[in-house]
Amino acid sequence: MNLSDARWRKSTRSNGQGGNCVEVADELSGVVMVRDSKDPGGPVLAFDPYAWRAFVAATARKA
């Protein structure tokens, strides 16, 4: 996996006013990556695609 190959997009659940923004790269094979858009050079979380879908589904029910 090469982070330079990732195409980052802002999450649809992110605050549109520059505050709490999460970016997701989900087009790489076998991994979904998440980072803070305010710190693109900072840490990146990597999820198994199944775990990511479960996380999104669980948080969507609470929103």
C-alpha atoms as a PDB file:
ATOM      1  CA  MET A   1       0.000   0.000   0.000  1.00  0.00           C
ATOM      2  CA  ASN A   2       1.355   3.381  -1.001  1.00  0.00           C
ATOM      3  CA  LEU A   3      -0.230   6.457   0.598  1.00  0.00           C
ATOM      4  CA  SER A   4       0.767   8.561  -2.396  1.00  0.00           C
ATOM      5  CA  ASP A   5      -1.680   6.495  -4.491  1.00  0.00           C
ATOM      6  CA  ALA A   6      -4.614   7.427  -2.260  1.00  0.00           C
ATOM      7  CA  ARG A   7      -7.324   9.754  -3.565  1.00  0.00           C
ATOM      8  CA  TRP A   8      -8.719  11.521  -0.537  1.00  0.00           C
ATOM      9  CA  ARG A   9     -12.268  12.857  -0.339  1.00  0.00           C
ATOM     10  CA  LYS A  10     -14.008  14.719   2.433  1.00  0.00           C
ATOM     11  CA  SER A  11     -16.547  12.665   4.330  1.00  0.00           C
ATOM     12  CA  THR A  12     -20.161  13.649   3.701  1.00  0.00           C
ATOM     13  CA  ARG A  13     -20.610  13.794   7.487  1.00  0.00           C
ATOM     14  CA  SER A  14     -17.853  16.367   7.962  1.00  0.00           C
ATOM     15  CA  ASN A  15     -18.577  19.898   9.028  1.00  0.00           C
ATOM     16  CA  GLY A  16     -18.680  21.999   5.850  1.00  0.00           C
ATOM     17  CA  GLN A  17     -17.287  25.072   7.576  1.00  0.00           C
ATOM     18  CA  GLY A  18     -13.658  24.003   7.897  1.00  0.00           C
ATOM     19  CA  GLY A  19     -13.984  22.629  11.398  1.00  0.00           C
ATOM     20  CA  ASN A  20     -14.356  18.928  12.043  1.00  0.00           C
ATOM     21  CA  CYS A  21     -13.333  17.377   8.746  1.00  0.00           C
ATOM     22  CA  VAL A  22     -12.472  13.773   8.052  1.00  0.00           C
ATOM     23  CA  GLU A  23     -11.072  12.580   4.744  1.00  0.00           C
ATOM     24  CA  VAL A  24     -11.456   9.037   3.481  1.00  0.00           C
ATOM     25  CA  ALA A  25      -9.516   7.116   0.835  1.00  0.00           C
ATOM     26  CA  ASP A  26     -11.464   3.994  -0.022  1.00  0.00           C
ATOM     27  CA  GLU A  27     -10.427   3.082  -3.563  1.00  0.00           C
ATOM     28  CA  LEU A  28      -7.308   1.121  -2.600  1.00  0.00           C
ATOM     29  CA  SER A  29      -7.558  -2.659  -2.612  1.00  0.00           C
ATOM     30  CA  GLY A  30      -8.263  -4.160   0.802  1.00  0.00           C
ATOM     31  CA  VAL A  31      -7.979  -1.018   2.928  1.00  0.00           C
ATOM     32  CA  VAL A  32      -9.915   2.130   3.816  1.00  0.00           C
ATOM     33  CA  MET A  33      -7.819   4.998   5.144  1.00  0.00           C
ATOM     34  CA  VAL A  34      -9.035   7.902   7.264  1.00  0.00           C
ATOM     35  CA  ARG A  35      -7.269  11.140   8.235  1.00  0.00           C
ATOM     36  CA  ASP A  36      -7.912  14.589   9.652  1.00  0.00           C
ATOM     37  CA  SER A  37      -8.189  17.027   6.742  1.00  0.00           C
ATOM     38  CA  LYS A  38      -6.586  19.768   8.831  1.00  0.00           C
ATOM     39  CA  ASP A  39      -3.437  17.628   9.187  1.00  0.00           C
ATOM     40  CA  PRO A  40      -2.972  15.773   5.862  1.00  0.00           C
ATOM     41  CA  GLY A  41       0.617  14.867   6.747  1.00  0.00           C
ATOM     42  CA  GLY A  42      -0.396  13.500  10.135  1.00  0.00           C
ATOM     43  CA  PRO A  43      -1.483  10.067  11.242  1.00  0.00           C
ATOM     44  CA  VAL A  44      -3.673   7.865   9.064  1.00  0.00           C
ATOM     45  CA  LEU A  45      -5.982   5.158  10.346  1.00  0.00           C
ATOM     46  CA  ALA A  46      -6.294   2.048   8.186  1.00  0.00           C
ATOM     47  CA  PHE A  47      -9.391  -0.156   8.308  1.00  0.00           C
ATOM     48  CA  ASP A  48     -10.375  -3.430   6.748  1.00  0.00           C
ATOM     49  CA  PRO A  49     -13.258  -2.556   4.345  1.00  0.00           C
ATOM     50  CA  TYR A  50     -15.698  -4.779   6.279  1.00  0.00           C
ATOM     51  CA  ALA A  51     -14.769  -3.121   9.572  1.00  0.00           C
ATOM     52  CA  TRP A  52     -15.150   0.323   7.980  1.00  0.00           C
ATOM     53  CA  ARG A  53     -18.654  -0.495   6.694  1.00  0.00           C
ATOM     54  CA  ALA A  54     -19.642  -1.778  10.136  1.00  0.00           C
ATOM     55  CA  PHE A  55     -18.286   1.402  11.759  1.00  0.00           C
ATOM     56  CA  VAL A  56     -20.140   3.669   9.319  1.00  0.00           C
ATOM     57  CA  ALA A  57     -23.373   1.701   9.757  1.00  0.00           C
ATOM     58  CA  ALA A  58     -23.114   1.854  13.563  1.00  0.00           C
ATOM     59  CA  THR A  59     -22.420   5.591  13.635  1.00  0.00           C
ATOM     60  CA  ALA A  60     -25.159   6.355  11.088  1.00  0.00           C
ATOM     61  CA  ARG A  61     -27.750   4.868  13.441  1.00  0.00           C
ATOM     62  CA  LYS A  62     -26.645   7.270  16.199  1.00  0.00           C
ATOM     63  CA  ALA A  63     -26.742  10.418  14.051  1.00  0.00           C
END
